Amino acid sequence: MKPNPHTETSTAPARPRFLLPIRVYYEDTDAGGVVYYANYLRFMERARTEWLRALGHEQRALMDEGIAFAARSVTAEYLKPARLDDELTVVSTIESLGRAQVVFLQRVERATELLVDAKIRIACFDPVRGKATAMPKAIYEQFKALL
């Protein structure tokens, strides 16, 4: 696997993590200039998608192969607000992995401040049948190596 500038590893026992920078735009905010709570989930979705892309897997190609990923459950703690023009970072790690699901721990940070802390269970499914399916072996093995 080629190095990725958004993936960090350290000699500490911490797991590899993927970092996605996000700028808060006007469209992300409510009337008070604060990021609307659901938009944090969109930021996290982008981070997971970009991590998958960095691993060599495009969503469109996966869909063509009958593979899709969807959120099954989300637990989020909203700790501090982000505002218009803030520079944020979505930090993603993998907590656990099964053949048909993966659990991500995701954080949205502004510099060193934790704004949102979330745990998101993602299921792999066949979009035509609408049923769970095992994720492709290549993706499973790449995720497993990140644990």
C-alpha atoms as a PDB file:
ATOM      1  CA  MET A   1       0.000   0.000   0.000  1.00  0.00           C
ATOM      2  CA  LYS A   2       1.467   3.371  -0.966  1.00  0.00           C
ATOM      3  CA  PRO A   3       1.869   6.052   1.735  1.00  0.00           C
ATOM      4  CA  ASN A   4      -0.985   8.469   2.148  1.00  0.00           C
ATOM      5  CA  PRO A   5      -0.396  12.005   3.413  1.00  0.00           C
ATOM      6  CA  HIS A   6      -3.695  11.901   5.311  1.00  0.00           C
ATOM      7  CA  THR A   7      -2.935   8.677   7.190  1.00  0.00           C
ATOM      8  CA  GLU A   8      -0.840   8.943  10.316  1.00  0.00           C
ATOM      9  CA  THR A   9       0.927   6.162  12.140  1.00  0.00           C
ATOM     10  CA  SER A  10       2.950   6.416  15.304  1.00  0.00           C
ATOM     11  CA  THR A  11       5.149   4.209  17.443  1.00  0.00           C
ATOM     12  CA  ALA A  12       2.620   4.534  20.274  1.00  0.00           C
ATOM     13  CA  PRO A  13      -0.111   1.903  20.566  1.00  0.00           C
ATOM     14  CA  ALA A  14      -2.561   4.254  18.816  1.00  0.00           C
ATOM     15  CA  ARG A  15      -4.197   2.881  15.691  1.00  0.00           C
ATOM     16  CA  PRO A  16      -3.601   4.394  12.259  1.00  0.00           C
ATOM     17  CA  ARG A  17      -5.966   7.237  11.581  1.00  0.00           C
ATOM     18  CA  PHE A  18      -7.162   9.133   8.557  1.00  0.00           C
ATOM     19  CA  LEU A  19      -7.338  12.919   8.626  1.00  0.00           C
ATOM     20  CA  LEU A  20      -9.612  14.964   6.382  1.00  0.00           C
ATOM     21  CA  PRO A  21      -9.452  18.760   6.510  1.00  0.00           C
ATOM     22  CA  ILE A  22     -12.810  20.524   6.188  1.00  0.00           C
ATOM     23  CA  ARG A  23     -13.574  24.224   5.837  1.00  0.00           C
ATOM     24  CA  VAL A  24     -16.936  25.384   7.177  1.00  0.00           C
ATOM     25  CA  TYR A  25     -18.911  27.116   4.449  1.00  0.00           C
ATOM     26  CA  TYR A  26     -22.024  29.254   4.740  1.00  0.00           C
ATOM     27  CA  GLU A  27     -24.138  26.352   3.467  1.00  0.00           C
ATOM     28  CA  ASP A  28     -22.977  24.247   6.459  1.00  0.00           C
ATOM     29  CA  THR A  29     -24.358  26.668   9.031  1.00  0.00           C
ATOM     30  CA  ASP A  30     -27.723  27.585  10.472  1.00  0.00           C
ATOM     31  CA  ALA A  31     -29.123  31.107  10.813  1.00  0.00           C
ATOM     32  CA  GLY A  32     -26.816  31.732  13.782  1.00  0.00           C
ATOM     33  CA  GLY A  33     -23.655  30.916  11.832  1.00  0.00           C
ATOM     34  CA  VAL A  34     -23.142  27.626  13.719  1.00  0.00           C
ATOM     35  CA  VAL A  35     -22.638  24.311  11.911  1.00  0.00           C
ATOM     36  CA  TYR A  36     -25.966  22.481  11.765  1.00  0.00           C
ATOM     37  CA  TYR A  37     -25.638  19.226  13.745  1.00  0.00           C
ATOM     38  CA  ALA A  38     -26.451  16.894  10.819  1.00  0.00           C
ATOM     39  CA  ASN A  39     -23.647  18.398   8.754  1.00  0.00           C
ATOM     40  CA  TYR A  40     -21.070  16.868  11.083  1.00  0.00           C
ATOM     41  CA  LEU A  41     -22.374  13.483   9.919  1.00  0.00           C
ATOM     42  CA  ARG A  42     -21.829  14.609   6.328  1.00  0.00           C
ATOM     43  CA  PHE A  43     -18.261  15.614   7.171  1.00  0.00           C
ATOM     44  CA  MET A  44     -17.680  12.170   8.700  1.00  0.00           C
ATOM     45  CA  GLU A  45     -19.199  10.458   5.661  1.00  0.00           C
ATOM     46  CA  ARG A  46     -16.780  12.370   3.424  1.00  0.00           C
ATOM     47  CA  ALA A  47     -13.861  11.268   5.601  1.00  0.00           C
ATOM     48  CA  ARG A  48     -14.851   7.587   5.378  1.00  0.00           C
ATOM     49  CA  THR A  49     -15.344   7.882   1.617  1.00  0.00           C
ATOM     50  CA  GLU A  50     -11.993   9.598   1.121  1.00  0.00           C
ATOM     51  CA  TRP A  51     -10.248   7.001   3.300  1.00  0.00           C
ATOM     52  CA  LEU A  52     -11.741   4.245   1.155  1.00  0.00           C
ATOM     53  CA  ARG A  53     -10.613   6.145  -1.958  1.00  0.00           C
ATOM     54  CA  ALA A  54      -7.084   6.511  -0.491  1.00  0.00           C
ATOM     55  CA  LEU A  55      -7.060   2.726  -0.072  1.00  0.00           C
ATOM     56  CA  GLY A  56      -7.824   2.399  -3.800  1.00  0.00           C
ATOM     57  CA  HIS A  57     -11.594   1.836  -3.750  1.00  0.00           C
ATOM     58  CA  GLU A  58     -13.997   4.152  -5.559  1.00  0.00           C
ATOM     59  CA  GLN A  59     -17.656   4.138  -4.468  1.00  0.00           C
ATOM     60  CA  ARG A  60     -18.919   4.063  -8.080  1.00  0.00           C
ATOM     61  CA  ALA A  61     -16.815   0.990  -8.918  1.00  0.00           C
ATOM     62  CA  LEU A  62     -18.020  -0.762  -5.764  1.00  0.00           C
ATOM     63  CA  MET A  63     -21.648  -0.005  -6.682  1.00  0.00           C
ATOM     64  CA  ASP A  64     -21.003  -1.496 -10.127  1.00  0.00           C
ATOM     65  CA  GLU A  65     -19.803  -4.657  -8.338  1.00  0.00           C
ATOM     66  CA  GLY A  66     -22.953  -4.782  -6.192  1.00  0.00           C
ATOM     67  CA  ILE A  67     -21.305  -3.448  -3.031  1.00  0.00           C
ATOM     68  CA  ALA A  68     -22.461  -0.464  -0.984  1.00  0.00           C
ATOM     69  CA  PHE A  69     -21.911   0.824   2.529  1.00  0.00           C
ATOM     70  CA  ALA A  70     -24.550   2.440   4.736  1.00  0.00           C
ATOM     71  CA  ALA A  71     -24.695   3.718   8.287  1.00  0.00           C
ATOM     72  CA  ARG A  72     -26.411   1.240  10.585  1.00  0.00           C
ATOM     73  CA  SER A  73     -26.050   3.150  13.825  1.00  0.00           C
ATOM     74  CA  VAL A  74     -24.586   6.425  15.054  1.00  0.00           C
ATOM     75  CA  THR A  75     -23.775   7.657  18.523  1.00  0.00           C
ATOM     76  CA  ALA A  76     -22.527  11.240  18.637  1.00  0.00           C
ATOM     77  CA  GLU A  77     -21.640  13.697  21.360  1.00  0.00           C
ATOM     78  CA  TYR A  78     -21.772  17.334  20.285  1.00  0.00           C
ATOM     79  CA  LEU A  79     -19.386  19.137  22.618  1.00  0.00           C
ATOM     80  CA  LYS A  80     -18.593  22.533  21.061  1.00  0.00           C
ATOM     81  CA  PRO A  81     -19.903  24.377  18.004  1.00  0.00           C
ATOM     82  CA  ALA A  82     -18.009  25.033  14.799  1.00  0.00           C
ATOM     83  CA  ARG A  83     -18.664  28.290  12.990  1.00  0.00           C
ATOM     84  CA  LEU A  84     -18.465  29.816   9.534  1.00  0.00           C
ATOM     85  CA  ASP A  85     -14.917  29.746   8.070  1.00  0.00           C
ATOM     86  CA  ASP A  86     -13.531  27.437  10.773  1.00  0.00           C
ATOM     87  CA  GLU A  87     -10.873  24.990   9.666  1.00  0.00           C
ATOM     88  CA  LEU A  88     -11.781  21.555  10.984  1.00  0.00           C
ATOM     89  CA  THR A  89     -10.234  18.118  10.829  1.00  0.00           C
ATOM     90  CA  VAL A  90     -12.209  14.882  10.787  1.00  0.00           C
ATOM     91  CA  VAL A  91     -10.110  12.202  12.494  1.00  0.00           C
ATOM     92  CA  SER A  92     -11.146   8.624  11.714  1.00  0.00           C
ATOM     93  CA  THR A  93     -10.012   5.298  13.162  1.00  0.00           C
ATOM     94  CA  ILE A  94     -11.390   1.792  12.974  1.00  0.00           C
ATOM     95  CA  GLU A  95     -12.592   0.359  16.272  1.00  0.00           C
ATOM     96  CA  SER A  96     -13.734  -3.082  15.137  1.00  0.00           C
ATOM     97  CA  LEU A  97     -14.343  -5.104  12.025  1.00  0.00           C
ATOM     98  CA  GLY A  98     -16.626  -7.936  10.952  1.00  0.00           C
ATOM     99  CA  ARG A  99     -17.060  -9.521   7.535  1.00  0.00           C
ATOM    100  CA  ALA A 100     -20.123  -7.355   6.785  1.00  0.00           C
ATOM    101  CA  GLN A 101     -19.590  -4.346   9.046  1.00  0.00           C
ATOM    102  CA  VAL A 102     -17.002  -1.941  10.346  1.00  0.00           C
ATOM    103  CA  VAL A 103     -17.185   0.377  13.344  1.00  0.00           C
ATOM    104  CA  PHE A 104     -15.490   3.746  12.995  1.00  0.00           C
ATOM    105  CA  LEU A 105     -14.561   6.154  15.757  1.00  0.00           C
ATOM    106  CA  GLN A 106     -14.664   9.650  14.317  1.00  0.00           C
ATOM    107  CA  ARG A 107     -13.903  13.025  15.822  1.00  0.00           C
ATOM    108  CA  VAL A 108     -14.300  16.517  14.467  1.00  0.00           C
ATOM    109  CA  GLU A 109     -11.630  18.848  15.794  1.00  0.00           C
ATOM    110  CA  ARG A 110     -10.748  22.518  15.464  1.00  0.00           C
ATOM    111  CA  ALA A 111      -7.010  22.730  16.086  1.00  0.00           C
ATOM    112  CA  THR A 112      -6.721  20.825  19.391  1.00  0.00           C
ATOM    113  CA  GLU A 113     -10.374  21.299  20.452  1.00  0.00           C
ATOM    114  CA  LEU A 114     -12.703  18.311  20.268  1.00  0.00           C
ATOM    115  CA  LEU A 115     -16.053  19.435  18.840  1.00  0.00           C
ATOM    116  CA  VAL A 116     -17.845  16.171  18.040  1.00  0.00           C
ATOM    117  CA  ASP A 117     -17.050  12.610  19.083  1.00  0.00           C
ATOM    118  CA  ALA A 118     -18.878   9.781  17.292  1.00  0.00           C
ATOM    119  CA  LYS A 119     -19.069   6.026  16.889  1.00  0.00           C
ATOM    120  CA  ILE A 120     -20.553   4.907  13.580  1.00  0.00           C
ATOM    121  CA  ARG A 121     -21.387   1.337  12.592  1.00  0.00           C
ATOM    122  CA  ILE A 122     -21.272   0.864   8.823  1.00  0.00           C
ATOM    123  CA  ALA A 123     -22.840  -2.164   7.134  1.00  0.00           C
ATOM    124  CA  CYS A 124     -21.801  -3.600   3.797  1.00  0.00           C
ATOM    125  CA  PHE A 125     -24.786  -4.565   1.663  1.00  0.00           C
ATOM    126  CA  ASP A 126     -25.918  -5.548  -1.798  1.00  0.00           C
ATOM    127  CA  PRO A 127     -27.904  -2.520  -3.067  1.00  0.00           C
ATOM    128  CA  VAL A 128     -29.929  -4.600  -5.545  1.00  0.00           C
ATOM    129  CA  ARG A 129     -31.100  -7.195  -3.009  1.00  0.00           C
ATOM    130  CA  GLY A 130     -31.064  -4.758  -0.109  1.00  0.00           C
ATOM    131  CA  LYS A 131     -29.373  -7.345   2.103  1.00  0.00           C
ATOM    132  CA  ALA A 132     -26.171  -7.478   4.082  1.00  0.00           C
ATOM    133  CA  THR A 133     -23.199  -9.026   2.322  1.00  0.00           C
ATOM    134  CA  ALA A 134     -19.558  -9.652   3.116  1.00  0.00           C
ATOM    135  CA  MET A 135     -17.306  -6.788   2.134  1.00  0.00           C
ATOM    136  CA  PRO A 136     -14.769  -7.506  -0.612  1.00  0.00           C
ATOM    137  CA  LYS A 137     -11.751  -9.399   0.708  1.00  0.00           C
ATOM    138  CA  ALA A 138      -9.337  -6.636  -0.363  1.00  0.00           C
ATOM    139  CA  ILE A 139     -11.201  -4.009   1.670  1.00  0.00           C
ATOM    140  CA  TYR A 140     -11.605  -6.347   4.635  1.00  0.00           C
ATOM    141  CA  GLU A 141      -7.865  -7.102   4.655  1.00  0.00           C
ATOM    142  CA  GLN A 142      -6.938  -3.408   4.371  1.00  0.00           C
ATOM    143  CA  PHE A 143      -9.269  -2.492   7.252  1.00  0.00           C
ATOM    144  CA  LYS A 144      -7.966  -5.436   9.296  1.00  0.00           C
ATOM    145  CA  ALA A 145      -4.405  -4.158   8.859  1.00  0.00           C
ATOM    146  CA  LEU A 146      -5.537  -0.835  10.369  1.00  0.00           C
ATOM    147  CA  LEU A 147      -6.698  -2.421  13.641  1.00  0.00           C
END
